Amino acid sequence: MFRDFLYYEVTGRGPALVFAHGLGGNHLSWWQQVPHFANRYTCVTFAHRGFHPSREGPGGGSGPRAFADDLAALVDRLKFDAVTLVGQSMGGWTCLEYALREPDRVRAMVMASTSGTVDFRLIKHPGLSDIDAWLARSHDVITDLRERGISPAAGERMSREQPALGLLYSGINALSPSEYREQVRVELRRLRSKPPEVLSRLPMPVLYITGEEDPQFPPRAAAALAAMTPRGRSVCVTEAGHSVYFERAAVFNRLVDEFLAESDAGI
């Protein structure tokens, strides 16, 4: 335990690669990434405060508003001069906030199925001209999935084609209290309020990865976000939902590998 409530693990050797999980996960979510990258990178996985086996902070904690502070303290504790960040969904709130505060300490960043604290609805981009209609359809899809007992973050395709993965995802999700996760979900929506223009302050390479069938985050938003990020680029993975890293791990790992190779070369 760190800070008496934050759990983390360090695996491998090399430049620091820090993974920040989504609302349905914890440090275990990255079981397909750590073995792939640990022979070349120091992989750090952690459970956000309130997510098993971490606990809420002092006085009940302050939820997502403290996530970036926790990440900053973890980076300092491990004495990393610079890190590469990989944020999935909720983890994007953590990573983007840290990158905006400490841009000189972030070598590169991957934002997977997330805009973090940026409100993508404010982006003026042709691909998002029908965003309100997409959000309405998304609400209907998510409602249907939940009524059928399928996690929207795992997705219908994962449940149908890879039921073992779907079961594992649900098991990891269930480790953290559902009441706390719902509180966090509400707070994340409140915090997704930054104007897209803040992305211009990111000097590091940023890769946005989305799944073509994602019902929770509009895939077309990734291209719009990348266009507003000085060194941004985006990739949309076919036959994948919200959790590309979990559902299509081989593709996700390859995309991150290629991105890190380019970043390391200074491209």
Foldseek 3Di string as FASTA:
>chain_A
DPLVFKDKDKAADEAAEEEAEALQAFQCLLVLPCVVCRPHHTYMGIGFAQAPPGHAHPPRHDALVCLLVVVVVVCVVVPQQAHEYEYAAQRLLNVVVNCLVCLVRYLEYEYELYPHLAQLQQFDDPLCPPVVVLLVVLVVVCVVCVVVVFHLLQNDLCCVPPVVLRVVSNVRSVRGDPVVSVVNVVVRVVSSYDHLLSLCSRPHAYEYEYEPAESPGHQSSQCSSQVNHPRYDYDYHYPGYRCCCRRVVVVVNVVVVVVVVCSVVVD
